[in-house]
Amino acid sequence: MEERFISTMMQCYFISFGVMLGGTIIGSIGAFASGEPPFTHMSRIAKSLRIWAIVAAIGGTFDAITNFERSIYEGSTMDMVKQILLIITAMGGAQTALLIIEWLIHEELS
């Protein structure tokens, strides 16, 4: 694999990780400021942010669909494999952040 692609994979991982962790913590500060239980809101926010963290990490859904379409019509399977790897890497970042949030609030977020 190219060195640039591995760099892109690392960026996808940490972007989705940061969206999940940062969004959940900042959202819970808003819950605390309004007098509601922050840990309860952290679990709700984390569950709803999961898909958006993945979408943000891969650069939007239209780019992914365009890459899939191009790889199917042009017969370039390597582009499809790379896009799938990017999505899996973004899912890994979101799952890691979810695990850290579970440790923080002592609640299972399935």
Protein backbone atom coordinates (compact mmCIF):
# COMPACT_ATOMS: atom_id res chain seq x y z
CA MET A 1 0.00 0.00 0.00
CA GLU A 2 1.06 3.55 -0.58
CA GLU A 3 2.40 5.63 2.24
CA ARG A 4 -0.17 8.33 1.47
CA PHE A 5 -3.04 5.85 1.82
CA ILE A 6 -1.81 4.70 5.23
CA SER A 7 -1.66 8.35 6.27
CA THR A 8 -5.26 8.78 5.08
CA MET A 9 -6.31 5.70 7.06
CA MET A 10 -4.75 7.15 10.22
CA GLN A 11 -6.52 10.45 9.63
CA CYS A 12 -9.86 8.66 9.19
CA TYR A 13 -9.36 6.81 12.45
CA PHE A 14 -8.54 9.89 14.49
CA ILE A 15 -11.18 12.11 12.87
CA SER A 16 -13.93 9.67 13.77
CA PHE A 17 -12.39 9.19 17.23
CA GLY A 18 -12.31 12.96 17.79
CA VAL A 19 -15.84 13.55 16.55
CA MET A 20 -17.19 10.91 18.91
CA LEU A 21 -15.19 11.87 21.97
CA GLY A 22 -15.34 15.64 21.51
CA GLY A 23 -18.99 15.73 20.54
CA THR A 24 -20.02 13.58 23.46
CA ILE A 25 -18.06 15.54 26.04
CA ILE A 26 -19.11 18.97 24.73
CA GLY A 27 -22.71 17.79 24.47
CA SER A 28 -22.66 16.60 28.06
CA ILE A 29 -21.41 20.02 29.16
CA GLY A 30 -24.53 21.47 27.59
CA ALA A 31 -26.67 18.97 29.49
CA PHE A 32 -24.89 19.87 32.74
CA ALA A 33 -25.42 23.58 32.10
CA SER A 34 -29.15 23.03 31.63
CA GLY A 35 -29.44 21.05 34.87
CA GLU A 36 -29.85 17.57 33.36
CA PRO A 37 -27.74 14.49 34.16
CA PRO A 38 -24.63 14.66 31.92
CA PHE A 39 -23.79 10.94 31.98
CA THR A 40 -27.25 9.99 30.75
CA HIS A 41 -26.92 12.46 27.94
CA MET A 42 -23.42 11.22 27.15
CA SER A 43 -24.78 7.78 26.39
CA ARG A 44 -27.53 9.17 24.15
CA ILE A 45 -25.18 11.51 22.33
CA ALA A 46 -22.58 8.78 21.78
CA LYS A 47 -25.16 6.45 20.27
CA SER A 48 -26.45 9.09 17.88
CA LEU A 49 -23.02 10.42 16.86
CA ARG A 50 -21.60 7.05 15.80
CA ILE A 51 -22.74 7.16 12.15
CA TRP A 52 -21.94 10.87 11.80
CA ALA A 53 -18.40 10.31 13.03
CA ILE A 54 -17.87 7.70 10.31
CA VAL A 55 -19.37 9.95 7.63
CA ALA A 56 -17.22 12.88 8.75
CA ALA A 57 -14.10 10.73 8.72
CA ILE A 58 -14.52 9.44 5.18
CA GLY A 59 -15.28 12.91 3.86
CA GLY A 60 -18.99 12.60 3.23
CA THR A 61 -21.12 9.89 1.72
CA PHE A 62 -21.07 11.15 -1.87
CA ASP A 63 -17.31 10.69 -2.21
CA ALA A 64 -17.60 7.11 -1.04
CA ILE A 65 -20.46 6.38 -3.43
CA THR A 66 -18.55 7.99 -6.31
CA ASN A 67 -15.50 5.87 -5.56
CA PHE A 68 -17.61 2.69 -5.44
CA GLU A 69 -19.31 3.60 -8.72
CA ARG A 70 -16.01 4.36 -10.43
CA SER A 71 -14.46 1.11 -9.25
CA ILE A 72 -17.44 -0.93 -10.47
CA TYR A 73 -17.75 0.69 -13.90
CA GLU A 74 -14.04 1.03 -14.60
CA GLY A 75 -13.12 -2.36 -13.15
CA SER A 76 -10.72 -0.91 -10.59
CA THR A 77 -11.22 -3.15 -7.58
CA MET A 78 -8.27 -1.63 -5.70
CA ASP A 79 -10.18 1.65 -5.27
CA MET A 80 -13.13 -0.25 -3.81
CA VAL A 81 -10.87 -2.13 -1.40
CA LYS A 82 -9.26 1.14 -0.29
CA GLN A 83 -12.64 2.75 0.31
CA ILE A 84 -13.81 -0.25 2.33
CA LEU A 85 -10.62 -0.09 4.40
CA LEU A 86 -11.21 3.61 5.06
CA ILE A 87 -14.75 2.91 6.25
CA ILE A 88 -13.57 0.08 8.51
CA THR A 89 -10.83 2.31 9.93
CA ALA A 90 -13.36 5.07 10.65
CA MET A 91 -15.61 2.50 12.35
CA GLY A 92 -12.65 1.46 14.48
CA GLY A 93 -12.06 5.05 15.60
CA ALA A 94 -15.70 5.48 16.53
CA GLN A 95 -15.72 2.17 18.41
CA THR A 96 -12.55 3.09 20.34
CA ALA A 97 -14.10 6.39 21.40
CA LEU A 98 -17.28 4.56 22.41
CA LEU A 99 -15.21 2.22 24.58
CA ILE A 100 -13.54 5.17 26.31
CA ILE A 101 -16.93 6.79 26.91
CA GLU A 102 -18.21 3.51 28.39
CA TRP A 103 -15.25 3.47 30.76
CA LEU A 104 -15.91 7.08 31.71
CA ILE A 105 -19.60 6.72 32.52
CA HIS A 106 -19.51 3.09 33.73
CA GLU A 107 -22.39 2.08 31.51
CA GLU A 108 -22.58 -0.30 28.55
CA LEU A 109 -23.55 1.45 25.28
CA SER A 110 -24.55 -1.30 22.87
